Protein backbone atom coordinates (compact mmCIF):
# COMPACT_ATOMS: atom_id res chain seq x y z
CA LEU A 1 -67.04 -51.84 74.75
CA LEU A 2 -64.78 -49.61 75.98
CA GLY A 3 -65.13 -45.50 74.89
CA VAL A 4 -63.59 -42.12 75.04
CA GLY A 5 -66.10 -39.18 74.99
CA LEU A 6 -65.72 -35.71 74.63
CA LEU A 7 -68.14 -33.30 76.14
CA GLY A 8 -68.03 -29.22 75.59
CA CYS A 9 -69.37 -27.42 78.50
CA ASP A 10 -69.72 -23.33 79.17
CA SER A 11 -66.67 -21.55 80.27
CA ASP A 12 -65.40 -23.06 83.35
CA PRO A 13 -63.73 -20.56 86.03
CA ALA A 14 -61.62 -23.23 87.37
CA SER A 15 -59.80 -23.35 84.11
CA PRO A 16 -56.40 -21.04 84.56
CA GLY A 17 -56.45 -18.24 81.85
CA GLY A 18 -58.83 -19.36 79.50
CA LYS A 19 -57.51 -22.99 79.30
CA ALA A 20 -59.54 -26.22 78.36
CA THR A 21 -59.92 -29.15 80.27
CA VAL A 22 -59.90 -32.28 78.49
CA ARG A 23 -61.61 -35.37 80.36
CA VAL A 24 -60.92 -38.70 78.83
CA LEU A 25 -63.60 -41.54 80.03
CA LEU A 26 -63.26 -45.25 79.25
CA THR A 27 -66.77 -47.71 78.63
CA ASP A 28 -67.58 -50.80 77.09
CA ALA A 29 -70.37 -52.94 75.46
CA ALA A 30 -71.05 -56.54 76.70
CA THR A 31 -70.43 -59.77 74.58
CA ASP A 32 -70.91 -63.62 74.86
CA TYR A 33 -68.80 -66.15 76.59
CA ILE A 34 -66.40 -63.79 77.97
CA GLY A 35 -66.57 -63.07 81.79
CA SER A 36 -63.94 -60.73 82.19
CA ALA A 37 -61.54 -59.04 79.82
CA TRP A 38 -58.76 -57.05 81.18
CA VAL A 39 -56.54 -54.60 79.70
CA ASP A 40 -53.69 -52.12 80.88
CA ILE A 41 -53.75 -48.88 78.85
CA GLY A 42 -50.55 -46.67 79.35
CA ALA A 43 -49.95 -43.38 78.24
CA VAL A 44 -52.64 -41.36 76.66
CA GLN A 45 -51.80 -37.96 74.58
CA ILE A 46 -54.16 -35.76 72.44
CA LEU A 47 -52.36 -33.83 69.19
CA PRO A 48 -53.30 -30.65 67.99
CA SER A 49 -54.21 -29.61 64.58
CA GLY A 50 -51.17 -27.88 62.53
CA GLU A 51 -48.03 -27.49 64.38
CA GLY A 52 -47.44 -28.63 67.82
CA GLY A 53 -46.57 -32.40 69.29
CA PRO A 54 -48.52 -34.54 71.15
CA ILE A 55 -49.88 -33.44 74.76
CA THR A 56 -49.50 -36.19 77.20
CA LEU A 57 -52.70 -36.31 79.59
CA SER A 58 -51.60 -39.32 81.44
CA GLU A 59 -48.26 -41.40 81.52
CA ASP A 60 -50.51 -44.33 82.68
CA GLY A 61 -54.13 -43.92 81.89
CA THR A 62 -55.72 -47.27 83.70
CA ASP A 63 -52.92 -47.45 86.30
CA GLY A 64 -52.90 -51.23 86.24
CA GLU A 65 -55.21 -53.58 84.74
CA VAL A 66 -59.03 -52.50 84.52
CA ASN A 67 -62.13 -55.22 83.54
CA LEU A 68 -63.83 -53.61 80.41
CA MET A 69 -67.02 -55.83 81.31
CA GLU A 70 -67.30 -53.96 84.35
CA LEU A 71 -67.94 -50.73 81.95
CA GLN A 72 -70.90 -51.79 79.98
CA GLY A 73 -73.93 -49.84 78.93
CA ALA A 74 -73.80 -45.89 80.10
CA THR A 75 -70.73 -47.05 82.77
CA THR A 76 -67.66 -45.30 82.31
CA ALA A 77 -64.35 -45.12 84.27
CA PHE A 78 -61.92 -42.24 84.22
CA LEU A 79 -59.08 -42.49 81.92
CA ALA A 80 -56.95 -39.59 81.83
CA GLU A 81 -57.21 -35.51 82.37
CA GLY A 82 -55.05 -32.23 81.42
CA VAL A 83 -54.89 -28.94 80.84
CA VAL A 84 -54.65 -27.77 76.89
CA GLU A 85 -54.74 -24.37 74.76
CA PRO A 86 -58.56 -23.98 73.27
CA GLY A 87 -57.97 -25.10 69.69
CA THR A 88 -58.81 -27.77 67.32
CA TYR A 89 -57.37 -31.00 68.14
CA HIS A 90 -57.41 -34.11 65.43
CA GLN A 91 -56.31 -37.35 67.17
CA LEU A 92 -56.25 -39.16 70.35
CA ARG A 93 -53.17 -41.59 71.05
CA LEU A 94 -52.90 -44.35 73.61
CA ILE A 95 -50.66 -47.43 74.26
CA VAL A 96 -52.23 -50.82 74.88
CA GLU A 97 -49.55 -52.49 77.51
CA SER A 98 -51.38 -56.02 78.01
CA ALA A 99 -54.39 -57.98 77.86
CA ARG A 100 -56.08 -61.00 79.23
CA VAL A 101 -59.24 -62.58 79.02
CA VAL A 102 -61.17 -64.99 81.39
CA LEU A 103 -64.00 -67.03 79.68
CA ALA A 104 -67.85 -66.89 81.03
CA GLY A 105 -69.55 -68.80 83.51
CA GLU A 106 -68.55 -70.61 86.94
CA GLY A 107 -67.43 -73.90 88.11
CA GLU A 108 -68.66 -76.81 85.64
CA ASP A 109 -70.52 -74.48 83.61
CA GLN A 110 -67.70 -72.28 82.97
CA TYR A 111 -66.20 -71.98 79.39
CA ARG A 112 -62.83 -73.22 79.01
CA PHE A 113 -60.04 -73.20 76.07
CA SER A 114 -59.06 -76.44 74.51
CA ASN A 115 -56.37 -76.58 77.03
CA GLY A 116 -58.26 -77.00 79.69
CA GLU A 117 -57.84 -73.35 81.06
CA PRO A 118 -60.57 -70.78 81.45
CA GLU A 119 -57.69 -67.77 81.40
CA MET A 120 -55.53 -66.59 78.69
CA PRO A 121 -53.07 -63.68 78.16
CA LEU A 122 -52.99 -62.48 75.05
CA LYS A 123 -50.67 -60.86 72.63
CA VAL A 124 -50.88 -57.40 72.30
CA PRO A 125 -50.37 -56.28 68.24
CA SER A 126 -47.09 -54.29 67.96
CA GLY A 127 -49.28 -51.21 66.76
CA ALA A 128 -51.19 -51.18 69.99
CA GLN A 129 -47.93 -51.19 72.02
CA THR A 130 -46.41 -48.30 70.15
CA GLY A 131 -49.65 -46.04 70.07
CA ILE A 132 -53.02 -46.39 68.66
CA LYS A 133 -54.00 -43.34 66.86
CA LEU A 134 -57.60 -42.59 66.90
CA ASN A 135 -58.82 -39.56 64.82
CA LEU A 136 -61.07 -37.41 65.94
CA LYS A 137 -64.49 -36.07 64.48
CA PRO A 138 -67.08 -33.31 65.76
CA ALA A 139 -70.21 -34.69 67.17
CA GLY A 140 -72.28 -32.05 65.16
CA ASP A 141 -72.30 -32.97 61.22
CA GLY A 142 -69.97 -35.89 61.61
CA GLU A 143 -68.05 -34.64 58.87
CA PRO A 144 -64.13 -34.90 58.86
CA ALA A 145 -62.13 -32.11 58.72
CA ASP A 146 -59.49 -31.31 55.55
CA GLY A 147 -56.99 -33.89 54.91
CA GLU A 148 -56.71 -37.04 53.37
CA GLU A 149 -58.93 -40.25 54.17
CA GLY A 150 -57.15 -41.98 56.69
CA SER A 151 -54.31 -39.09 57.30
CA ASP A 152 -53.03 -37.94 60.80
CA ASP A 153 -55.20 -34.85 59.73
CA GLU A 154 -58.30 -36.32 59.17
CA GLY A 155 -60.88 -35.12 61.41
CA GLY A 156 -60.73 -32.58 64.17
CA VAL A 157 -62.90 -31.45 67.57
CA ASP A 158 -62.87 -27.98 68.74
CA ILE A 159 -62.01 -27.75 72.07
CA VAL A 160 -62.73 -24.63 73.92
CA PRO A 161 -62.37 -23.04 77.65
CA GLY A 162 -64.17 -25.26 80.26
CA GLU A 163 -64.34 -29.03 80.00
CA THR A 164 -64.26 -31.11 77.04
CA VAL A 165 -65.23 -34.96 77.74
CA LEU A 166 -64.17 -37.63 75.50
CA VAL A 167 -65.75 -40.87 75.55
CA LEU A 168 -63.64 -44.23 74.44
CA ASP A 169 -65.67 -47.11 73.53
CA PHE A 170 -63.31 -50.17 73.64
CA ASP A 171 -65.50 -52.93 71.85
CA VAL A 172 -64.83 -55.91 73.51
CA GLY A 173 -66.98 -57.97 70.89
CA GLN A 174 -64.91 -56.89 68.11
CA SER A 175 -61.41 -56.52 70.01
CA PHE A 176 -61.22 -60.31 71.65
CA VAL A 177 -62.44 -62.76 68.61
CA ILE A 178 -62.88 -66.26 69.67
CA GLN A 179 -61.20 -68.77 67.60
CA GLY A 180 -63.20 -71.99 67.45
CA ASN A 181 -67.06 -72.89 68.48
CA PRO A 182 -67.85 -73.03 72.06
CA GLU A 183 -70.83 -74.91 71.40
CA THR A 184 -68.66 -77.87 69.62
CA PRO A 185 -66.37 -80.45 71.43
CA ALA A 186 -63.38 -78.67 69.98
CA GLY A 187 -64.30 -76.15 72.00
CA ILE A 188 -62.39 -72.56 71.92
CA LYS A 189 -58.96 -73.03 70.66
CA GLY A 190 -57.75 -69.27 71.32
CA MET A 191 -58.45 -65.45 71.37
CA HIS A 192 -57.34 -63.36 68.80
CA PHE A 193 -56.99 -59.60 70.35
CA LYS A 194 -57.16 -56.75 67.99
CA PRO A 195 -58.11 -53.59 69.81
CA THR A 196 -61.30 -51.94 68.28
CA LEU A 197 -62.18 -48.44 69.55
CA ARG A 198 -64.77 -45.64 69.13
CA VAL A 199 -63.72 -42.03 70.00
CA VAL A 200 -67.20 -40.03 70.65
CA VAL A 201 -67.68 -36.26 71.87
CA MET A 202 -70.31 -36.84 74.59
CA ASP A 203 -71.80 -33.40 74.04
CA GLY A 204 -74.26 -34.02 71.40
CA ALA A 205 -73.88 -38.01 71.26
CA GLY A 206 -77.37 -39.63 71.29
CA SER A 207 -78.67 -43.41 71.65
CA ILE A 208 -80.58 -45.91 70.24
CA SER A 209 -82.92 -48.22 71.97
CA GLY A 210 -85.71 -50.87 71.43
CA THR A 211 -86.62 -54.20 72.38
CA VAL A 212 -86.07 -57.67 70.89
CA SER A 213 -89.29 -60.16 71.12
CA THR A 214 -89.87 -63.55 69.77
CA SER A 215 -92.82 -66.11 69.99
CA THR A 216 -90.46 -69.39 69.90
CA GLY A 217 -90.07 -69.79 73.64
CA VAL A 218 -86.03 -68.89 72.91
CA SER A 219 -84.38 -66.57 75.08
CA VAL A 220 -84.21 -62.84 74.16
CA GLU A 221 -81.40 -62.32 76.37
CA GLY A 222 -77.64 -61.60 75.36
CA LEU A 223 -78.47 -60.79 71.74
CA THR A 224 -76.22 -58.11 69.80
CA VAL A 225 -77.87 -55.04 68.00
CA THR A 226 -75.33 -53.37 66.00
CA ALA A 227 -75.73 -49.82 64.52
CA VAL A 228 -73.52 -49.63 61.57
CA PRO A 229 -72.81 -45.72 60.11
CA GLU A 230 -74.28 -45.28 56.31
CA ALA A 231 -70.81 -43.64 55.74
CA ASP A 232 -68.29 -45.23 57.83
CA THR A 233 -65.10 -42.99 57.58
CA TYR A 234 -61.75 -45.05 57.29
CA PHE A 235 -59.78 -44.40 60.29
CA GLY A 236 -57.28 -47.18 60.07
CA ASP A 237 -56.66 -50.65 61.96
CA TYR A 238 -57.84 -49.85 65.53
CA GLN A 239 -60.83 -47.37 65.09
CA THR A 240 -64.25 -48.11 64.19
CA GLU A 241 -67.73 -45.98 64.10
CA THR A 242 -69.91 -49.09 64.71
CA ALA A 243 -71.78 -49.17 67.70
CA SER A 244 -73.61 -52.15 69.69
CA GLY A 245 -75.66 -53.16 72.59
CA ILE A 246 -76.74 -56.34 74.05
CA THR A 247 -80.26 -57.25 75.21
CA ASN A 248 -81.27 -57.83 78.85
CA SER A 249 -83.45 -60.74 80.10
CA GLU A 250 -86.51 -58.92 78.73
CA GLY A 251 -85.13 -58.50 75.34
CA LYS A 252 -84.59 -54.31 75.77
CA TYR A 253 -81.22 -52.94 74.43
CA THR A 254 -79.74 -49.60 74.64
CA ILE A 255 -76.51 -48.75 72.15
CA HIS A 256 -75.11 -45.61 73.86
CA PHE A 257 -72.90 -42.96 73.11
CA VAL A 258 -74.11 -42.38 69.52
CA VAL A 259 -72.58 -39.88 67.01
CA PRO A 260 -75.24 -38.04 65.36
CA GLY A 261 -75.87 -39.20 61.79
CA ASN A 262 -77.67 -41.99 59.84
CA TYR A 263 -77.25 -45.58 60.45
CA THR A 264 -78.39 -49.11 59.86
CA VAL A 265 -79.38 -51.01 62.83
CA SER A 266 -79.81 -54.78 62.76
CA LEU A 267 -80.07 -57.59 65.13
CA THR A 268 -77.83 -60.65 65.39
CA PRO A 269 -80.64 -63.50 66.27
CA PRO A 270 -79.51 -66.79 68.02
CA GLU A 271 -78.23 -69.67 65.39
CA THR A 272 -80.94 -71.06 63.01
CA TYR A 273 -83.24 -68.09 63.46
CA VAL A 274 -83.62 -65.12 61.41
CA ALA A 275 -83.99 -61.50 62.35
CA ASP A 276 -87.16 -59.51 61.51
CA PRO A 277 -86.78 -56.95 59.56
CA ALA A 278 -83.92 -59.26 58.19
CA ASP A 279 -82.31 -56.12 56.40
CA GLY A 280 -82.16 -53.94 59.37
CA ILE A 281 -83.65 -50.73 60.52
CA ALA A 282 -82.76 -47.19 58.93
CA VAL A 283 -82.24 -44.69 61.97
CA GLU A 284 -81.44 -41.35 61.93
CA VAL A 285 -79.75 -39.69 65.13
CA GLY A 286 -79.92 -36.05 66.01
CA PRO A 287 -77.88 -34.19 68.22
CA ALA A 288 -78.39 -35.26 71.83
CA GLU A 289 -81.12 -37.51 70.65
CA ASP A 290 -82.62 -40.88 72.34
CA VAL A 291 -84.08 -42.87 69.56
CA VAL A 292 -86.31 -45.14 70.99
CA GLY A 293 -88.57 -47.75 69.50
CA VAL A 294 -85.81 -49.61 67.16
CA ASP A 295 -87.71 -53.04 67.66
CA PHE A 296 -86.78 -56.50 66.41
CA SER A 297 -88.15 -60.01 66.43
CA PHE A 298 -86.86 -63.15 65.31
CA VAL A 299 -88.43 -66.43 63.95
CA ALA A 300 -86.91 -70.09 63.15
CA GLY A 301 -85.16 -70.08 59.79
CA THR A 302 -86.42 -71.94 56.95
């Protein structure tokens, strides 16, 4: 998962003339079957509400390829930074120039595509090449600013003198979609690339964590836990508010950079198994709150 976060801080004397510094960070969430997921992000821009054109924060965000799989959990990488006038900004735009994927494993245990190769360059959708529009929302109540649903004017974040940090979450699990079944003789036929991102105001963002357990003897590592917001605002083809985390060898997981609000958290259990509770757990995340103890188990299906 690749993310950009926005952090509001106190006035920074290093910001000239009361200007505001916007810093954009990149993060990612882990996923099965993918060993490395490489993207090259070009220009990164931010758009003010009302009059005024886009402001370029970077002409070459990643300065070459970056492996999203190295940006898991709370790990982030610098993407862009620029000085802007304080005010309300409603959109972040970025261009994805290229993408490729290498399947997980090593040697004889490495997954491969049906053509025998472990690596594949991916076609970047035309919309991602011309500029992905990511509407901004405040971290507090999560309510969009005035503007029609799905329009360029929806959302808006107040950027004040000092430093504001945006976290851009590039969700590998949703962005790189396997075509085929890795566990069948036919194998993985290909990979569909559709960039799926979240933009989070880091200041005020929280987290959700818990443990997955089972008495079946099946591994609890590498399972996906997903937090779906109660009201998922429509943003367009490339933006989501759904967040996810992956369990470690002890079944522990944390979903980072969660916008305050109400969520349904659910577990995707191993195949032929059933999650408990099956319908998920309702969770409310307050500003800067780390919600713990959101636990699951799974049993054999009937």
